C-alpha atoms as a PDB file:
ATOM      1  CA  MET A   1     118.571 125.940 110.143  1.00  0.00           C
ATOM      2  CA  LYS A   2     119.477 125.951 106.452  1.00  0.00           C
ATOM      3  CA  THR A   3     120.556 122.304 106.718  1.00  0.00           C
ATOM      4  CA  VAL A   4     117.235 121.288 108.282  1.00  0.00           C
ATOM      5  CA  THR A   5     115.305 123.197 105.617  1.00  0.00           C
ATOM      6  CA  LEU A   6     117.373 121.588 102.862  1.00  0.00           C
ATOM      7  CA  ILE A   7     116.823 118.108 104.305  1.00  0.00           C
ATOM      8  CA  LEU A   8     113.061 118.688 104.582  1.00  0.00           C
ATOM      9  CA  PHE A   9     112.960 119.989 101.007  1.00  0.00           C
ATOM     10  CA  LEU A  10     114.896 116.993  99.670  1.00  0.00           C
ATOM     11  CA  THR A  11     112.688 114.585 101.633  1.00  0.00           C
ATOM     12  CA  LEU A  12     109.550 116.202 100.241  1.00  0.00           C
ATOM     13  CA  LEU A  13     110.976 116.197  96.720  1.00  0.00           C
ATOM     14  CA  SER A  14     111.937 112.531  96.886  1.00  0.00           C
ATOM     15  CA  SER A  15     108.512 111.511  98.216  1.00  0.00           C
ATOM     16  CA  VAL A  16     106.793 113.403  95.396  1.00  0.00           C
ATOM     17  CA  ALA A  17     109.083 111.774  92.820  1.00  0.00           C
ATOM     18  CA  PHE A  18     108.416 108.332  94.313  1.00  0.00           C
ATOM     19  CA  SER A  19     104.646 108.829  94.343  1.00  0.00           C
ATOM     20  CA  ASN A  20     104.676 109.928  90.695  1.00  0.00           C
ATOM     21  CA  THR A  21     106.490 106.765  89.628  1.00  0.00           C
ATOM     22  CA  THR A  22     104.165 104.432  91.545  1.00  0.00           C
ATOM     23  CA  GLU A  23     101.026 106.264  90.369  1.00  0.00           C
ATOM     24  CA  ASN A  24     101.715 105.145  86.803  1.00  0.00           C
ATOM     25  CA  LEU A  25     102.213 101.472  87.636  1.00  0.00           C
ATOM     26  CA  SER A  26      99.375  98.996  87.475  1.00  0.00           C
ATOM     27  CA  THR A  27      98.485  95.385  88.097  1.00  0.00           C
ATOM     28  CA  ILE A  28      96.933  93.211  85.406  1.00  0.00           C
ATOM     29  CA  ARG A  29      94.903  90.381  86.921  1.00  0.00           C
ATOM     30  CA  VAL A  30      93.466  87.618  84.739  1.00  0.00           C
ATOM     31  CA  TYR A  31      90.927  85.107  86.041  1.00  0.00           C
ATOM     32  CA  VAL A  32      91.220  81.916  83.974  1.00  0.00           C
ATOM     33  CA  SER A  33      88.310  79.489  84.084  1.00  0.00           C
ATOM     34  CA  ASN A  34      86.765  76.508  82.313  1.00  0.00           C
ATOM     35  CA  LEU A  35      90.030  74.614  81.823  1.00  0.00           C
ATOM     36  CA  ARG A  36      89.203  71.058  80.783  1.00  0.00           C
ATOM     37  CA  ASN A  37      91.526  69.482  83.369  1.00  0.00           C
ATOM     38  CA  ASP A  38      94.263  70.223  85.903  1.00  0.00           C
ATOM     39  CA  GLN A  39      96.994  68.557  83.841  1.00  0.00           C
ATOM     40  CA  GLY A  40     100.087  70.531  82.931  1.00  0.00           C
ATOM     41  CA  GLN A  41     100.273  74.256  83.458  1.00  0.00           C
ATOM     42  CA  ILE A  42      99.088  77.604  82.175  1.00  0.00           C
ATOM     43  CA  ALA A  43     101.732  79.508  80.181  1.00  0.00           C
ATOM     44  CA  VAL A  44     101.150  83.263  79.865  1.00  0.00           C
ATOM     45  CA  LEU A  45     102.875  85.869  77.704  1.00  0.00           C
ATOM     46  CA  LEU A  46     102.386  89.635  78.109  1.00  0.00           C
ATOM     47  CA  PHE A  47     103.228  91.764  75.072  1.00  0.00           C
ATOM     48  CA  SER A  48     103.609  95.537  74.780  1.00  0.00           C
ATOM     49  CA  SER A  49     103.937  95.490  70.970  1.00  0.00           C
ATOM     50  CA  GLU A  50     103.115  93.299  67.989  1.00  0.00           C
ATOM     51  CA  ASP A  51     106.711  92.008  67.885  1.00  0.00           C
ATOM     52  CA  GLY A  52     106.487  88.253  68.439  1.00  0.00           C
ATOM     53  CA  PHE A  53     102.808  88.305  69.349  1.00  0.00           C
ATOM     54  CA  PRO A  54     101.201  85.933  70.211  1.00  0.00           C
ATOM     55  CA  GLY A  55     103.714  83.143  70.800  1.00  0.00           C
ATOM     56  CA  GLU A  56     107.365  84.269  70.815  1.00  0.00           C
ATOM     57  CA  GLN A  57     108.426  84.132  74.451  1.00  0.00           C
ATOM     58  CA  SER A  58     111.712  85.906  73.669  1.00  0.00           C
ATOM     59  CA  GLU A  59     109.752  88.946  72.406  1.00  0.00           C
ATOM     60  CA  ALA A  60     107.278  89.042  75.314  1.00  0.00           C
ATOM     61  CA  LEU A  61     107.543  91.720  77.970  1.00  0.00           C
ATOM     62  CA  MET A  62     106.834  89.089  80.644  1.00  0.00           C
ATOM     63  CA  ALA A  63     106.345  85.319  80.657  1.00  0.00           C
ATOM     64  CA  GLN A  64     104.925  83.293  83.530  1.00  0.00           C
ATOM     65  CA  THR A  65     103.620  79.796  84.224  1.00  0.00           C
ATOM     66  CA  TYR A  66     101.030  78.764  86.786  1.00  0.00           C
ATOM     67  CA  PRO A  67      99.771  75.447  88.155  1.00  0.00           C
ATOM     68  CA  ILE A  68      96.095  74.679  87.637  1.00  0.00           C
ATOM     69  CA  GLU A  69      93.728  73.946  90.497  1.00  0.00           C
ATOM     70  CA  ASN A  70      90.121  72.890  89.969  1.00  0.00           C
ATOM     71  CA  GLY A  71      90.173  74.105  86.370  1.00  0.00           C
ATOM     72  CA  GLU A  72      91.079  77.659  87.352  1.00  0.00           C
ATOM     73  CA  VAL A  73      94.077  79.979  87.660  1.00  0.00           C
ATOM     74  CA  VAL A  74      94.567  83.577  88.752  1.00  0.00           C
ATOM     75  CA  ILE A  75      97.352  85.340  86.849  1.00  0.00           C
ATOM     76  CA  GLU A  76      98.899  88.556  88.054  1.00  0.00           C
ATOM     77  CA  PHE A  77     101.373  90.932  86.427  1.00  0.00           C
ATOM     78  CA  THR A  78     102.487  93.728  88.774  1.00  0.00           C
ATOM     79  CA  GLY A  79     104.483  96.913  88.244  1.00  0.00           C
ATOM     80  CA  ILE A  80     103.095  97.414  84.734  1.00  0.00           C
ATOM     81  CA  ALA A  81     103.526 100.871  83.187  1.00  0.00           C
ATOM     82  CA  HIS A  82     100.477 102.478  81.631  1.00  0.00           C
ATOM     83  CA  GLY A  83     100.126 101.652  77.938  1.00  0.00           C
ATOM     84  CA  GLU A  84      98.796  99.131  75.403  1.00  0.00           C
ATOM     85  CA  TYR A  85      99.197  95.391  76.069  1.00  0.00           C
ATOM     86  CA  ALA A  86      98.015  92.036  74.782  1.00  0.00           C
ATOM     87  CA  ILE A  87      98.079  88.642  76.499  1.00  0.00           C
ATOM     88  CA  SER A  88      98.257  85.107  75.151  1.00  0.00           C
ATOM     89  CA  ILE A  89      97.581  82.071  77.343  1.00  0.00           C
ATOM     90  CA  VAL A  90      98.113  78.393  76.528  1.00  0.00           C
ATOM     91  CA  HIS A  91      96.938  75.396  78.530  1.00  0.00           C
ATOM     92  CA  ASP A  92     100.193  73.448  78.161  1.00  0.00           C
ATOM     93  CA  GLU A  93      98.740  70.081  79.122  1.00  0.00           C
ATOM     94  CA  ASP A  94     101.866  68.038  78.395  1.00  0.00           C
ATOM     95  CA  MET A  95     104.268  70.715  79.766  1.00  0.00           C
ATOM     96  CA  ASN A  96     106.412  70.711  76.628  1.00  0.00           C
ATOM     97  CA  LYS A  97     106.498  74.547  76.671  1.00  0.00           C
ATOM     98  CA  GLU A  98     104.830  74.924  73.285  1.00  0.00           C
ATOM     99  CA  MET A  99     101.340  74.918  71.845  1.00  0.00           C
ATOM    100  CA  ASN A 100     100.551  71.573  70.244  1.00  0.00           C
ATOM    101  CA  THR A 101      98.804  71.652  66.873  1.00  0.00           C
ATOM    102  CA  ASN A 102      97.352  69.098  64.478  1.00  0.00           C
ATOM    103  CA  PHE A 103      98.674  68.450  60.958  1.00  0.00           C
ATOM    104  CA  LEU A 104      96.797  71.547  59.671  1.00  0.00           C
ATOM    105  CA  GLY A 105      98.370  73.787  62.313  1.00  0.00           C
ATOM    106  CA  ILE A 106      95.156  74.081  64.332  1.00  0.00           C
ATOM    107  CA  PRO A 107      95.840  74.177  68.087  1.00  0.00           C
ATOM    108  CA  SER A 108      95.078  70.950  69.930  1.00  0.00           C
ATOM    109  CA  GLU A 109      95.641  72.530  73.358  1.00  0.00           C
ATOM    110  CA  GLY A 110      93.426  75.236  74.753  1.00  0.00           C
ATOM    111  CA  TYR A 111      94.413  78.869  74.330  1.00  0.00           C
ATOM    112  CA  TRP A 112      93.031  82.334  74.988  1.00  0.00           C
ATOM    113  CA  ILE A 113      94.027  85.727  73.593  1.00  0.00           C
ATOM    114  CA  SER A 114      93.016  89.022  75.218  1.00  0.00           C
ATOM    115  CA  ASN A 115      89.768  90.518  73.896  1.00  0.00           C
ATOM    116  CA  ASN A 116      88.906  86.956  72.820  1.00  0.00           C
ATOM    117  CA  GLU A 117      90.823  87.638  69.601  1.00  0.00           C
ATOM    118  CA  ARG A 118      90.974  84.520  67.419  1.00  0.00           C
ATOM    119  CA  GLY A 119      92.378  85.806  64.149  1.00  0.00           C
ATOM    120  CA  GLY A 120      91.092  85.180  60.664  1.00  0.00           C
ATOM    121  CA  ALA A 121      90.707  82.053  58.597  1.00  0.00           C
ATOM    122  CA  PHE A 122      94.247  82.346  57.251  1.00  0.00           C
ATOM    123  CA  GLY A 123      96.059  84.176  60.019  1.00  0.00           C
ATOM    124  CA  GLY A 124      96.619  84.185  63.722  1.00  0.00           C
ATOM    125  CA  PRO A 125      95.534  86.698  66.315  1.00  0.00           C
ATOM    126  CA  ASP A 126      96.291  90.364  65.620  1.00  0.00           C
ATOM    127  CA  PHE A 127      97.969  92.519  68.295  1.00  0.00           C
ATOM    128  CA  ASP A 128      95.830  95.578  67.521  1.00  0.00           C
ATOM    129  CA  ASN A 129      92.611  93.579  67.952  1.00  0.00           C
ATOM    130  CA  ALA A 130      93.883  91.825  71.089  1.00  0.00           C
ATOM    131  CA  SER A 131      95.385  94.861  72.808  1.00  0.00           C
ATOM    132  CA  PHE A 132      93.840  96.643  75.756  1.00  0.00           C
ATOM    133  CA  ARG A 133      94.735  99.884  77.500  1.00  0.00           C
ATOM    134  CA  VAL A 134      96.179  99.912  81.023  1.00  0.00           C
ATOM    135  CA  THR A 135      95.554 103.200  82.857  1.00  0.00           C
ATOM    136  CA  GLU A 136      93.898 102.121  86.112  1.00  0.00           C
ATOM    137  CA  PRO A 137      95.675 100.767  89.214  1.00  0.00           C
ATOM    138  CA  VAL A 138      94.177  97.306  88.612  1.00  0.00           C
ATOM    139  CA  VAL A 139      92.954  95.950  85.281  1.00  0.00           C
ATOM    140  CA  VAL A 140      90.877  92.762  85.473  1.00  0.00           C
ATOM    141  CA  LEU A 141      90.395  90.385  82.544  1.00  0.00           C
ATOM    142  CA  ILE A 142      88.314  87.203  82.342  1.00  0.00           C
ATOM    143  CA  ALA A 143      89.771  84.338  80.299  1.00  0.00           C
ATOM    144  CA  HIS A 144      87.035  81.743  79.829  1.00  0.00           C
ATOM    145  CA  PHE A 145      88.467  78.825  77.874  1.00  0.00           C
ATOM    146  CA  ASP A 146      86.461  77.226  75.087  1.00  0.00           C
ATOM    147  CA  TYR A 147      88.115  74.159  73.574  1.00  0.00           C
END
């Protein structure tokens, strides 16, 4: 009887531990729209700190690419711990895996930063202004591109 009780206790304990770990994981879903064409791909970086934000893939928590269909893409990051995050998205039209810019350094390919953060006249997007809090099971963002 002690063995059965011990097994039941351990089973209950493990199920409680498992439910606590999955309760704090979320999905971030981003609906991307208004892309000017279906050429190339969408490149997405998810950051959990300002390190490397917005464009250093090696510093990103996660990096993904998606094909474009009818000017739209649905991006999904799963298994995300609760916390502060920021996202940068580039419409990599020529699939060279970098954001193209003109001679002044102004992007010539479409991009979007969470919270529609654009940065100042002399600096790029700021992590603190772009960050959003993840605490719900599913967080939905809308990325409407304006070229």
